[in-house]
């Protein structure tokens, strides 16, 4: 994609899942990438990607801590001599409802939208100085729908969707800000749910796939592709926009793909 080669990016939560796929895709496009994570798996990720010849750097820390956000931006800019892109991906999967505690609310908001905002504030001066930059916020279909026992997670993702618009307005014209909102993606959390219920992907993939018009779950690579596009010059006139990587999930009503659907029998 145009414009990504020889640029520098930060990806939060880049050790695994969608974040890892974003790190690898940006490296493949010629970017140097600094990514964060909360576990030592980040060291393994660095080795795997470095062995492929990519320029990567890992910092372990908690995105809820402002001091770590400052360290992450300063280290990345110092290592690569520039900062062109930011992918705010790290998020706390704190999903509770009626019984949500203040501590759980604090955690999901500070790892999520508060950290997203803080990282944007810190990255913006570097991008503005260069005269250009782009930011992607990772949101979710959960920002748009109600789900059982999901007050914390869904409210936090909803905040990200609105934060996107406000950041885009205040950072224009130098920096573009957009959102990627995945549907059901085969990540660690989804795999965990499939295995916990028994049967794994073979059983639950086709069943959960029916929630989507495309009748399957998405992949982390598909989310990374949308992210790379929004960062690239191919999306040079796109800002304050949300790209739904959801296989049509949010486009379906209550009828879904039931027997009355025109899709019935097409498999």
Protein backbone atom coordinates (compact mmCIF):
# COMPACT_ATOMS: atom_id res chain seq x y z
CA UNK A 1 0.00 0.00 0.00
CA UNK A 2 1.26 3.46 -0.89
CA UNK A 3 3.07 5.47 1.76
CA UNK A 4 3.85 2.84 4.40
CA UNK A 5 7.41 1.99 3.41
CA UNK A 6 10.16 3.45 5.61
CA UNK A 7 7.66 4.80 8.14
CA UNK A 8 7.50 4.13 11.90
CA UNK A 9 4.51 2.90 13.88
CA UNK A 10 3.35 2.06 17.39
CA UNK A 11 0.89 -0.79 17.96
CA UNK A 12 -0.44 -1.21 21.48
CA UNK A 13 -1.28 -4.75 22.52
CA UNK A 14 0.77 -6.11 19.64
CA UNK A 15 2.00 -9.38 21.12
CA UNK A 16 -0.88 -11.55 19.92
CA UNK A 17 -4.25 -11.58 18.18
CA UNK A 18 -5.32 -8.62 16.07
CA UNK A 19 -2.47 -6.51 17.42
CA UNK A 20 0.15 -9.08 16.42
CA UNK A 21 -1.37 -9.30 12.95
CA UNK A 22 -1.20 -5.50 12.64
CA UNK A 23 2.46 -5.49 13.68
CA UNK A 24 3.33 -8.14 11.12
CA UNK A 25 1.33 -6.52 8.31
CA UNK A 26 2.96 -3.13 8.88
CA UNK A 27 6.39 -4.77 8.93
CA UNK A 28 5.60 -6.49 5.64
CA UNK A 29 4.68 -3.08 4.22
CA UNK A 30 8.11 -1.74 5.16
CA UNK A 31 7.38 -0.06 8.51
CA UNK A 32 9.51 -0.16 11.61
CA UNK A 33 7.24 -1.04 14.53
CA UNK A 34 7.30 -0.61 18.30
CA UNK A 35 4.62 -2.57 20.10
CA UNK A 36 3.50 -3.05 23.68
CA UNK A 37 2.14 -5.93 25.71
CA UNK A 38 1.65 -7.07 29.28
CA UNK A 39 3.38 -10.45 29.10
CA UNK A 40 6.68 -11.96 28.04
CA UNK A 41 5.07 -13.30 24.87
CA UNK A 42 6.15 -9.99 23.34
CA UNK A 43 9.78 -11.14 23.50
CA UNK A 44 8.87 -14.25 21.52
CA UNK A 45 7.01 -12.12 18.99
CA UNK A 46 10.06 -9.89 18.54
CA UNK A 47 12.31 -12.88 17.91
CA UNK A 48 9.92 -14.42 15.41
CA UNK A 49 9.55 -11.18 13.46
CA UNK A 50 13.21 -10.21 13.71
CA UNK A 51 14.15 -13.61 12.29
CA UNK A 52 12.10 -12.62 9.24
CA UNK A 53 14.22 -9.50 8.84
CA UNK A 54 11.69 -7.01 10.22
CA UNK A 55 12.53 -3.98 12.38
CA UNK A 56 10.59 -4.43 15.60
CA UNK A 57 10.84 -3.35 19.21
CA UNK A 58 8.84 -4.52 22.26
CA UNK A 59 8.05 -2.71 25.50
CA UNK A 60 6.28 -4.50 28.32
CA UNK A 61 3.89 -2.38 30.35
CA UNK A 62 0.34 -1.49 31.32
CA UNK A 63 -1.49 0.94 29.04
CA UNK A 64 -3.57 2.09 32.03
CA UNK A 65 -0.44 3.81 33.36
CA UNK A 66 0.20 7.28 31.94
CA UNK A 67 3.91 6.92 32.67
CA UNK A 68 4.10 3.84 30.44
CA UNK A 69 2.25 5.63 27.62
CA UNK A 70 4.86 8.39 27.78
CA UNK A 71 7.68 5.85 27.79
CA UNK A 72 6.22 3.99 24.83
CA UNK A 73 5.93 7.06 22.61
CA UNK A 74 9.32 8.49 23.62
CA UNK A 75 11.08 5.15 23.09
CA UNK A 76 9.51 4.56 19.68
CA UNK A 77 10.29 8.06 18.43
CA UNK A 78 13.84 7.79 19.76
CA UNK A 79 14.44 4.35 18.25
CA UNK A 80 13.17 5.12 14.75
CA UNK A 81 13.81 8.87 14.61
CA UNK A 82 10.20 9.53 13.64
CA UNK A 83 6.63 8.50 14.41
CA UNK A 84 4.11 8.26 11.60
CA UNK A 85 1.41 5.86 12.75
CA UNK A 86 -0.37 4.79 15.91
CA UNK A 87 -2.62 1.76 16.25
CA UNK A 88 -4.51 1.85 19.54
CA UNK A 89 -5.40 -1.81 19.97
CA UNK A 90 -4.77 -2.82 23.60
CA UNK A 91 -8.02 -3.16 25.53
CA UNK A 92 -9.18 -4.82 28.72
CA UNK A 93 -11.74 -7.54 28.05
CA UNK A 94 -13.65 -6.70 31.22
CA UNK A 95 -17.19 -7.77 30.43
CA UNK A 96 -19.57 -7.45 33.36
CA UNK A 97 -23.09 -6.11 33.79
CA UNK A 98 -25.32 -5.64 36.80
CA UNK A 99 -22.57 -6.75 39.16
CA UNK A 100 -19.82 -4.57 37.70
CA UNK A 101 -17.58 -3.02 40.34
CA UNK A 102 -16.05 0.44 40.28
CA UNK A 103 -12.66 -1.22 39.94
CA UNK A 104 -13.80 -3.06 36.80
CA UNK A 105 -15.17 0.15 35.32
CA UNK A 106 -11.91 1.91 36.10
CA UNK A 107 -9.86 -0.84 34.49
CA UNK A 108 -11.76 -1.09 31.21
CA UNK A 109 -11.94 2.67 30.74
CA UNK A 110 -8.30 3.39 31.54
CA UNK A 111 -6.82 0.58 29.45
CA UNK A 112 -9.29 1.44 26.68
CA UNK A 113 -10.55 4.91 25.71
CA UNK A 114 -8.47 6.84 28.26
CA UNK A 115 -5.25 5.18 27.08
CA UNK A 116 -6.32 5.67 23.46
CA UNK A 117 -6.74 9.39 24.11
CA UNK A 118 -3.47 9.65 26.03
CA UNK A 119 -1.51 7.90 23.27
CA UNK A 120 -3.09 10.17 20.69
CA UNK A 121 -2.15 13.26 22.68
CA UNK A 122 1.44 12.08 23.00
CA UNK A 123 1.85 10.96 19.39
CA UNK A 124 0.22 13.99 17.80
CA UNK A 125 3.14 16.46 18.24
CA UNK A 126 5.53 14.07 16.48
CA UNK A 127 3.14 13.62 13.56
CA UNK A 128 2.26 17.31 13.39
CA UNK A 129 5.94 18.23 13.26
CA UNK A 130 6.35 15.97 10.23
CA UNK A 131 3.23 17.44 8.67
CA UNK A 132 1.41 14.12 8.40
CA UNK A 133 0.37 11.03 10.33
CA UNK A 134 -2.46 8.58 10.86
CA UNK A 135 -4.09 6.89 13.81
CA UNK A 136 -6.37 3.85 13.97
CA UNK A 137 -8.49 3.04 17.02
CA UNK A 138 -9.61 -0.56 17.41
CA UNK A 139 -13.27 -0.64 18.42
CA UNK A 140 -15.85 -3.41 18.00
CA UNK A 141 -19.34 -4.37 16.93
CA UNK A 142 -19.95 -4.20 20.70
CA UNK A 143 -19.93 -0.40 20.38
CA UNK A 144 -23.19 -0.65 18.42
CA UNK A 145 -25.25 -3.44 19.96
CA UNK A 146 -26.46 -4.64 23.34
CA UNK A 147 -25.04 -7.93 24.63
CA UNK A 148 -25.84 -9.73 27.89
CA UNK A 149 -23.62 -8.83 30.86
CA UNK A 150 -21.47 -6.45 28.81
CA UNK A 151 -22.04 -3.02 30.37
CA UNK A 152 -18.35 -2.33 30.92
CA UNK A 153 -16.88 -3.57 27.64
CA UNK A 154 -19.62 -2.27 25.36
CA UNK A 155 -19.76 1.16 26.99
CA UNK A 156 -15.98 1.49 26.71
CA UNK A 157 -16.03 0.49 23.04
CA UNK A 158 -18.87 2.96 22.44
CA UNK A 159 -16.68 5.68 23.92
CA UNK A 160 -13.95 4.78 21.41
CA UNK A 161 -16.33 5.33 18.50
CA UNK A 162 -17.12 8.86 19.66
CA UNK A 163 -13.50 9.57 20.62
CA UNK A 164 -12.57 8.81 17.02
CA UNK A 165 -14.72 11.66 15.73
CA UNK A 166 -13.43 14.18 18.24
CA UNK A 167 -9.78 13.25 17.74
CA UNK A 168 -10.17 13.43 13.98
CA UNK A 169 -11.65 16.91 14.17
CA UNK A 170 -8.98 18.34 16.48
CA UNK A 171 -6.03 16.69 14.74
CA UNK A 172 -7.00 17.61 11.18
CA UNK A 173 -5.63 18.38 8.69
CA UNK A 174 -2.20 16.98 9.57
CA UNK A 175 -3.33 13.72 11.16
CA UNK A 176 -6.13 11.39 10.08
CA UNK A 177 -7.97 9.33 12.70
CA UNK A 178 -10.18 6.34 11.90
CA UNK A 179 -11.68 3.31 13.60
CA UNK A 180 -11.73 -0.39 12.76
CA UNK A 181 -14.60 -2.34 14.32
CA UNK A 182 -14.27 -6.12 14.06
CA UNK A 183 -17.07 -8.60 14.37
CA UNK A 184 -16.44 -12.11 15.67
CA UNK A 185 -12.77 -12.78 14.95
CA UNK A 186 -10.81 -15.93 15.69
CA UNK A 187 -8.73 -14.51 18.52
CA UNK A 188 -7.52 -16.01 21.78
CA UNK A 189 -10.74 -15.01 23.57
CA UNK A 190 -12.99 -16.55 20.92
CA UNK A 191 -10.89 -19.71 20.81
CA UNK A 192 -11.10 -19.89 24.59
CA UNK A 193 -14.90 -19.70 24.44
CA UNK A 194 -15.09 -22.35 21.72
CA UNK A 195 -12.90 -24.76 23.64
CA UNK A 196 -14.61 -24.08 26.96
CA UNK A 197 -17.97 -25.02 25.49
CA UNK A 198 -16.50 -28.11 23.85
CA UNK A 199 -16.02 -28.84 20.19
CA UNK A 200 -13.65 -25.98 19.34
CA UNK A 201 -13.71 -24.28 15.96
CA UNK A 202 -15.10 -27.28 14.13
CA UNK A 203 -18.32 -27.13 16.15
CA UNK A 204 -18.73 -23.46 16.94
CA UNK A 205 -17.34 -21.86 13.76
CA UNK A 206 -20.38 -22.75 11.63
CA UNK A 207 -22.83 -21.84 14.41
CA UNK A 208 -21.30 -18.47 15.25
CA UNK A 209 -20.77 -17.85 11.57
CA UNK A 210 -24.53 -17.60 11.14
CA UNK A 211 -24.42 -14.28 13.04
CA UNK A 212 -22.68 -12.82 9.98
CA UNK A 213 -23.90 -12.33 6.41
CA UNK A 214 -20.74 -14.02 5.15
CA UNK A 215 -21.50 -17.03 7.36
CA UNK A 216 -18.09 -17.27 8.96
CA UNK A 217 -15.91 -15.61 11.55
CA UNK A 218 -13.21 -13.20 10.47
CA UNK A 219 -9.44 -13.52 10.78
CA UNK A 220 -6.90 -11.29 12.47
CA UNK A 221 -5.24 -10.81 9.09
CA UNK A 222 -8.44 -9.28 7.70
CA UNK A 223 -8.48 -6.77 10.55
CA UNK A 224 -4.82 -5.96 9.95
CA UNK A 225 -5.46 -5.38 6.26
CA UNK A 226 -8.16 -2.81 7.02
CA UNK A 227 -5.86 -1.14 9.54
CA UNK A 228 -2.96 -0.93 7.08
CA UNK A 229 -5.27 0.54 4.45
CA UNK A 230 -6.50 3.29 6.77
CA UNK A 231 -2.94 4.21 7.73
CA UNK A 232 -1.72 4.24 4.14
CA UNK A 233 -1.87 6.93 1.49
CA UNK A 234 -4.57 4.87 -0.19
CA UNK A 235 -6.90 6.32 2.47
CA UNK A 236 -5.58 9.89 2.20
CA UNK A 237 -9.08 11.44 2.08
CA UNK A 238 -10.57 9.27 4.82
CA UNK A 239 -10.82 10.50 8.41
CA UNK A 240 -13.39 10.32 11.22
CA UNK A 241 -14.62 7.09 9.65
CA UNK A 242 -15.42 3.66 11.06
CA UNK A 243 -14.65 0.60 8.96
CA UNK A 244 -16.73 -2.41 9.97
CA UNK A 245 -14.72 -5.61 9.53
CA UNK A 246 -17.69 -7.65 10.65
CA UNK A 247 -18.82 -9.82 7.74
CA UNK A 248 -22.15 -8.01 7.72
CA UNK A 249 -22.90 -8.62 11.41
CA UNK A 250 -24.22 -5.12 12.16
CA UNK A 251 -26.16 -5.00 8.91
CA UNK A 252 -28.47 -7.85 9.89
CA UNK A 253 -31.75 -7.42 11.73
CA UNK A 254 -33.52 -9.85 14.00
CA UNK A 255 -34.42 -12.15 11.08
CA UNK A 256 -30.75 -12.87 10.55
CA UNK A 257 -30.13 -15.73 8.17
CA UNK A 258 -33.09 -17.82 9.26
CA UNK A 259 -35.34 -20.06 7.20
CA UNK A 260 -37.24 -17.06 5.77
CA UNK A 261 -34.03 -15.48 4.47
CA UNK A 262 -33.37 -15.39 0.74
CA UNK A 263 -30.01 -16.93 1.60
CA UNK A 264 -31.65 -20.07 2.92
CA UNK A 265 -30.44 -23.17 1.15
CA UNK A 266 -27.60 -21.36 -0.57
CA UNK A 267 -24.88 -23.13 1.35
